[in-house]
PDB file of N, CA and C in Angstrom:
ATOM      1  N   MET A   1     -24.663-117.221  55.797  1.00  0.00           N
ATOM      2  CA  MET A   1     -25.086-116.832  57.120  1.00  0.00           C
ATOM      3  C   MET A   1     -25.363-118.068  57.973  1.00  0.00           C
ATOM      4  N   ASN A   2     -25.848-119.143  57.360  1.00  0.00           N
ATOM      5  CA  ASN A   2     -26.135-120.358  58.112  1.00  0.00           C
ATOM      6  C   ASN A   2     -24.874-121.025  58.646  1.00  0.00           C
ATOM      7  N   HIS A   3     -23.708-120.637  58.129  1.00  0.00           N
ATOM      8  CA  HIS A   3     -22.437-121.227  58.547  1.00  0.00           C
ATOM      9  C   HIS A   3     -21.622-120.240  59.380  1.00  0.00           C
ATOM     10  N   ASN A   4     -22.299-119.279  59.975  1.00  0.00           N
ATOM     11  CA  ASN A   4     -21.660-118.286  60.863  1.00  0.00           C
ATOM     12  C   ASN A   4     -20.553-117.494  60.192  1.00  0.00           C
ATOM     13  N   ILE A   5     -20.738-117.187  58.935  1.00  0.00           N
ATOM     14  CA  ILE A   5     -19.821-116.312  58.216  1.00  0.00           C
ATOM     15  C   ILE A   5     -20.546-114.981  58.041  1.00  0.00           C
ATOM     16  N   PRO A   6     -20.026-113.915  58.644  1.00  0.00           N
ATOM     17  CA  PRO A   6     -20.707-112.623  58.507  1.00  0.00           C
ATOM     18  C   PRO A   6     -20.673-112.136  57.057  1.00  0.00           C
ATOM     19  N   VAL A   7     -21.812-111.701  56.552  1.00  0.00           N
ATOM     20  CA  VAL A   7     -21.909-111.229  55.174  1.00  0.00           C
ATOM     21  C   VAL A   7     -22.689-109.925  55.120  1.00  0.00           C
ATOM     22  N   LYS A   8     -22.474-109.212  54.047  1.00  0.00           N
ATOM     23  CA  LYS A   8     -23.295-108.069  53.687  1.00  0.00           C
ATOM     24  C   LYS A   8     -23.709-108.299  52.244  1.00  0.00           C
ATOM     25  N   THR A   9     -24.875-107.813  51.874  1.00  0.00           N
ATOM     26  CA  THR A   9     -25.304-107.945  50.492  1.00  0.00           C
ATOM     27  C   THR A   9     -25.424-106.569  49.860  1.00  0.00           C
ATOM     28  N   GLU A  10     -25.156-106.542  48.591  1.00  0.00           N
ATOM     29  CA  GLU A  10     -25.228-105.318  47.801  1.00  0.00           C
ATOM     30  C   GLU A  10     -26.108-105.638  46.597  1.00  0.00           C
ATOM     31  N   ILE A  11     -27.137-104.841  46.396  1.00  0.00           N
ATOM     32  CA  ILE A  11     -28.059-105.068  45.288  1.00  0.00           C
ATOM     33  C   ILE A  11     -27.804-104.016  44.217  1.00  0.00           C
ATOM     34  N   ILE A  12     -27.585-104.487  42.995  1.00  0.00           N
ATOM     35  CA  ILE A  12     -27.371-103.576  41.871  1.00  0.00           C
ATOM     36  C   ILE A  12     -28.572-103.726  40.949  1.00  0.00           C
ATOM     37  N   ASN A  13     -29.363-102.674  40.863  1.00  0.00           N
ATOM     38  CA  ASN A  13     -30.579-102.667  40.065  1.00  0.00           C
ATOM     39  C   ASN A  13     -30.381-101.689  38.914  1.00  0.00           C
ATOM     40  N   PRO A  14     -30.246-102.185  37.679  1.00  0.00           N
ATOM     41  CA  PRO A  14     -29.986-101.282  36.550  1.00  0.00           C
ATOM     42  C   PRO A  14     -31.106-100.282  36.310  1.00  0.00           C
ATOM     43  N   ASN A  15     -32.309-100.553  36.791  1.00  0.00           N
ATOM     44  CA  ASN A  15     -33.412 -99.613  36.596  1.00  0.00           C
ATOM     45  C   ASN A  15     -33.251 -98.365  37.452  1.00  0.00           C
ATOM     46  N   ARG A  16     -32.391 -98.414  38.467  1.00  0.00           N
ATOM     47  CA  ARG A  16     -32.194 -97.269  39.341  1.00  0.00           C
ATOM     48  C   ARG A  16     -30.833 -96.607  39.126  1.00  0.00           C
ATOM     49  N   SER A  17     -30.120 -97.023  38.116  1.00  0.00           N
ATOM     50  CA  SER A  17     -28.811 -96.434  37.851  1.00  0.00           C
ATOM     51  C   SER A  17     -28.953 -95.301  36.848  1.00  0.00           C
ATOM     52  N   SER A  18     -27.883 -94.988  36.154  1.00  0.00           N
ATOM     53  CA  SER A  18     -27.874 -93.850  35.237  1.00  0.00           C
ATOM     54  C   SER A  18     -28.708 -94.101  33.978  1.00  0.00           C
ATOM     55  N   PHE A  19     -29.248 -95.326  33.793  1.00  0.00           N
ATOM     56  CA  PHE A  19     -30.029 -95.595  32.592  1.00  0.00           C
ATOM     57  C   PHE A  19     -31.212 -94.641  32.473  1.00  0.00           C
ATOM     58  N   GLY A  20     -31.806 -94.291  33.608  1.00  0.00           N
ATOM     59  CA  GLY A  20     -32.976 -93.427  33.577  1.00  0.00           C
ATOM     60  C   GLY A  20     -32.643 -91.963  33.390  1.00  0.00           C
ATOM     61  N   ARG A  21     -31.373 -91.621  33.316  1.00  0.00           N
ATOM     62  CA  ARG A  21     -30.964 -90.226  33.205  1.00  0.00           C
ATOM     63  C   ARG A  21     -30.189 -89.980  31.931  1.00  0.00           C
ATOM     64  N   GLY A  22     -30.712 -90.480  30.844  1.00  0.00           N
ATOM     65  CA  GLY A  22     -30.077 -90.250  29.556  1.00  0.00           C
ATOM     66  C   GLY A  22     -29.091 -91.328  29.154  1.00  0.00           C
ATOM     67  N   GLY A  23     -28.854 -92.308  30.041  1.00  0.00           N
ATOM     68  CA  GLY A  23     -27.953 -93.390  29.704  1.00  0.00           C
ATOM     69  C   GLY A  23     -28.644 -94.410  28.817  1.00  0.00           C
ATOM     70  N   HIS A  24     -27.897 -95.376  28.329  1.00  0.00           N
ATOM     71  CA  HIS A  24     -28.453 -96.394  27.431  1.00  0.00           C
ATOM     72  C   HIS A  24     -28.637 -97.692  28.197  1.00  0.00           C
ATOM     73  N   ASP A  25     -29.854 -98.191  28.250  1.00  0.00           N
ATOM     74  CA  ASP A  25     -30.148 -99.480  28.868  1.00  0.00           C
ATOM     75  C   ASP A  25     -30.190-100.529  27.765  1.00  0.00           C
ATOM     76  N   PRO A  26     -29.190-101.421  27.678  1.00  0.00           N
ATOM     77  CA  PRO A  26     -29.133-102.394  26.583  1.00  0.00           C
ATOM     78  C   PRO A  26     -30.265-103.412  26.619  1.00  0.00           C
ATOM     79  N   PHE A  27     -30.990-103.540  27.731  1.00  0.00           N
ATOM     80  CA  PHE A  27     -32.065-104.511  27.839  1.00  0.00           C
ATOM     81  C   PHE A  27     -33.443-103.884  27.698  1.00  0.00           C
ATOM     82  N   GLY A  28     -33.521-102.624  27.365  1.00  0.00           N
ATOM     83  CA  GLY A  28     -34.807-101.942  27.249  1.00  0.00           C
ATOM     84  C   GLY A  28     -35.232-101.329  28.571  1.00  0.00           C
ATOM     85  N   SER A  29     -36.195-100.477  28.528  1.00  0.00           N
ATOM     86  CA  SER A  29     -36.577 -99.732  29.721  1.00  0.00           C
ATOM     87  C   SER A  29     -37.257-100.595  30.776  1.00  0.00           C
ATOM     88  N   GLN A  30     -37.704-101.784  30.431  1.00  0.00           N
ATOM     89  CA  GLN A  30     -38.361-102.659  31.402  1.00  0.00           C
ATOM     90  C   GLN A  30     -37.439-103.776  31.891  1.00  0.00           C
ATOM     91  N   SER A  31     -36.142-103.536  31.872  1.00  0.00           N
ATOM     92  CA  SER A  31     -35.164-104.530  32.293  1.00  0.00           C
ATOM     93  C   SER A  31     -35.433-104.983  33.733  1.00  0.00           C
ATOM     94  N   ARG A  32     -35.369-106.279  33.966  1.00  0.00           N
ATOM     95  CA  ARG A  32     -35.615-106.815  35.305  1.00  0.00           C
ATOM     96  C   ARG A  32     -34.396-107.570  35.850  1.00  0.00           C
ATOM     97  N   PHE A  33     -33.239-107.311  35.302  1.00  0.00           N
ATOM     98  CA  PHE A  33     -32.024-107.968  35.756  1.00  0.00           C
ATOM     99  C   PHE A  33     -31.499-107.261  36.987  1.00  0.00           C
ATOM    100  N   ILE A  34     -31.342-107.999  38.065  1.00  0.00           N
ATOM    101  CA  ILE A  34     -30.805-107.457  39.305  1.00  0.00           C
ATOM    102  C   ILE A  34     -29.626-108.329  39.697  1.00  0.00           C
ATOM    103  N   THR A  35     -28.547-107.717  40.133  1.00  0.00           N
ATOM    104  CA  THR A  35     -27.364-108.441  40.569  1.00  0.00           C
ATOM    105  C   THR A  35     -27.239-108.328  42.077  1.00  0.00           C
ATOM    106  N   TYR A  36     -26.987-109.442  42.738  1.00  0.00           N
ATOM    107  CA  TYR A  36     -26.754-109.470  44.166  1.00  0.00           C
ATOM    108  C   TYR A  36     -25.288-109.810  44.397  1.00  0.00           C
ATOM    109  N   ASN A  37     -24.567-108.955  45.072  1.00  0.00           N
ATOM    110  CA  ASN A  37     -23.192-109.232  45.461  1.00  0.00           C
ATOM    111  C   ASN A  37     -23.200-109.619  46.929  1.00  0.00           C
ATOM    112  N   ILE A  38     -22.549-110.724  47.255  1.00  0.00           N
ATOM    113  CA  ILE A  38     -22.421-111.164  48.636  1.00  0.00           C
ATOM    114  C   ILE A  38     -21.004-110.832  49.062  1.00  0.00           C
ATOM    115  N   LEU A  39     -20.890-109.975  50.061  1.00  0.00           N
ATOM    116  CA  LEU A  39     -19.596-109.475  50.502  1.00  0.00           C
ATOM    117  C   LEU A  39     -19.189-110.139  51.814  1.00  0.00           C
ATOM    118  N   VAL A  40     -17.952-110.637  51.853  1.00  0.00           N
ATOM    119  CA  VAL A  40     -17.405-111.224  53.078  1.00  0.00           C
ATOM    120  C   VAL A  40     -16.048-110.595  53.347  1.00  0.00           C
ATOM    121  N   LYS A  41     -15.608-110.689  54.579  1.00  0.00           N
ATOM    122  CA  LYS A  41     -14.286-110.174  54.947  1.00  0.00           C
ATOM    123  C   LYS A  41     -13.204-111.044  54.299  1.00  0.00           C
ATOM    124  N   LYS A  42     -12.044-110.441  54.075  1.00  0.00           N
ATOM    125  CA  LYS A  42     -10.941-111.172  53.428  1.00  0.00           C
ATOM    126  C   LYS A  42     -10.607-112.463  54.158  1.00  0.00           C
ATOM    127  N   GLU A  43     -10.623-112.425  55.480  1.00  0.00           N
ATOM    128  CA  GLU A  43     -10.253-113.620  56.246  1.00  0.00           C
ATOM    129  C   GLU A  43     -11.309-114.733  56.154  1.00  0.00           C
ATOM    130  N   ASP A  44     -12.495-114.425  55.637  1.00  0.00           N
ATOM    131  CA  ASP A  44     -13.558-115.425  55.509  1.00  0.00           C
ATOM    132  C   ASP A  44     -13.767-115.919  54.077  1.00  0.00           C
ATOM    133  N   ILE A  45     -13.001-115.418  53.126  1.00  0.00           N
ATOM    134  CA  ILE A  45     -13.201-115.790  51.718  1.00  0.00           C
ATOM    135  C   ILE A  45     -13.053-117.296  51.500  1.00  0.00           C
ATOM    136  N   HIS A  46     -12.019-117.893  52.068  1.00  0.00           N
ATOM    137  CA  HIS A  46     -11.794-119.326  51.863  1.00  0.00           C
ATOM    138  C   HIS A  46     -12.971-120.141  52.397  1.00  0.00           C
ATOM    139  N   ARG A  47     -13.418-119.847  53.609  1.00  0.00           N
ATOM    140  CA  ARG A  47     -14.558-120.566  54.200  1.00  0.00           C
ATOM    141  C   ARG A  47     -15.823-120.349  53.379  1.00  0.00           C
ATOM    142  N   ALA A  48     -16.047-119.114  52.920  1.00  0.00           N
ATOM    143  CA  ALA A  48     -17.243-118.813  52.127  1.00  0.00           C
ATOM    144  C   ALA A  48     -17.238-119.607  50.821  1.00  0.00           C
ATOM    145  N   ASN A  49     -16.087-119.687  50.157  1.00  0.00           N
ATOM    146  CA  ASN A  49     -15.990-120.476  48.924  1.00  0.00           C
ATOM    147  C   ASN A  49     -16.260-121.959  49.182  1.00  0.00           C
ATOM    148  N   GLU A  50     -15.777-122.475  50.291  1.00  0.00           N
ATOM    149  CA  GLU A  50     -16.039-123.875  50.623  1.00  0.00           C
ATOM    150  C   GLU A  50     -17.535-124.112  50.806  1.00  0.00           C
ATOM    151  N   VAL A  51     -18.198-123.200  51.485  1.00  0.00           N
ATOM    152  CA  VAL A  51     -19.636-123.339  51.706  1.00  0.00           C
ATOM    153  C   VAL A  51     -20.393-123.255  50.375  1.00  0.00           C
ATOM    154  N   ILE A  52     -20.034-122.298  49.550  1.00  0.00           N
ATOM    155  CA  ILE A  52     -20.724-122.115  48.270  1.00  0.00           C
ATOM    156  C   ILE A  52     -20.561-123.345  47.382  1.00  0.00           C
ATOM    157  N   HIS A  53     -19.358-123.911  47.371  1.00  0.00           N
ATOM    158  CA  HIS A  53     -19.068-125.034  46.472  1.00  0.00           C
ATOM    159  C   HIS A  53     -19.179-126.389  47.173  1.00  0.00           C
ATOM    160  N   HIS A  54     -19.710-126.421  48.404  1.00  0.00           N
ATOM    161  CA  HIS A  54     -19.965-127.654  49.162  1.00  0.00           C
ATOM    162  C   HIS A  54     -18.724-128.512  49.303  1.00  0.00           C
ATOM    163  N   ARG A  55     -17.617-127.914  49.658  1.00  0.00           N
ATOM    164  CA  ARG A  55     -16.373-128.700  49.841  1.00  0.00           C
ATOM    165  C   ARG A  55     -16.093-128.918  51.277  1.00  0.00           C
TER     166      ARG A  55
END
């Protein structure tokens, strides 16, 4: 965002998925692993990778 690349974020929290509805949570019921996906438009992927990898 600091480099004027529009982004959206997606948060995947295993504690709110199907684990609580009879599914199997491999990390136990107190799992605290959260995944953040940073989404950019196809035309911005190259610029976003440069920013992430400081090139």
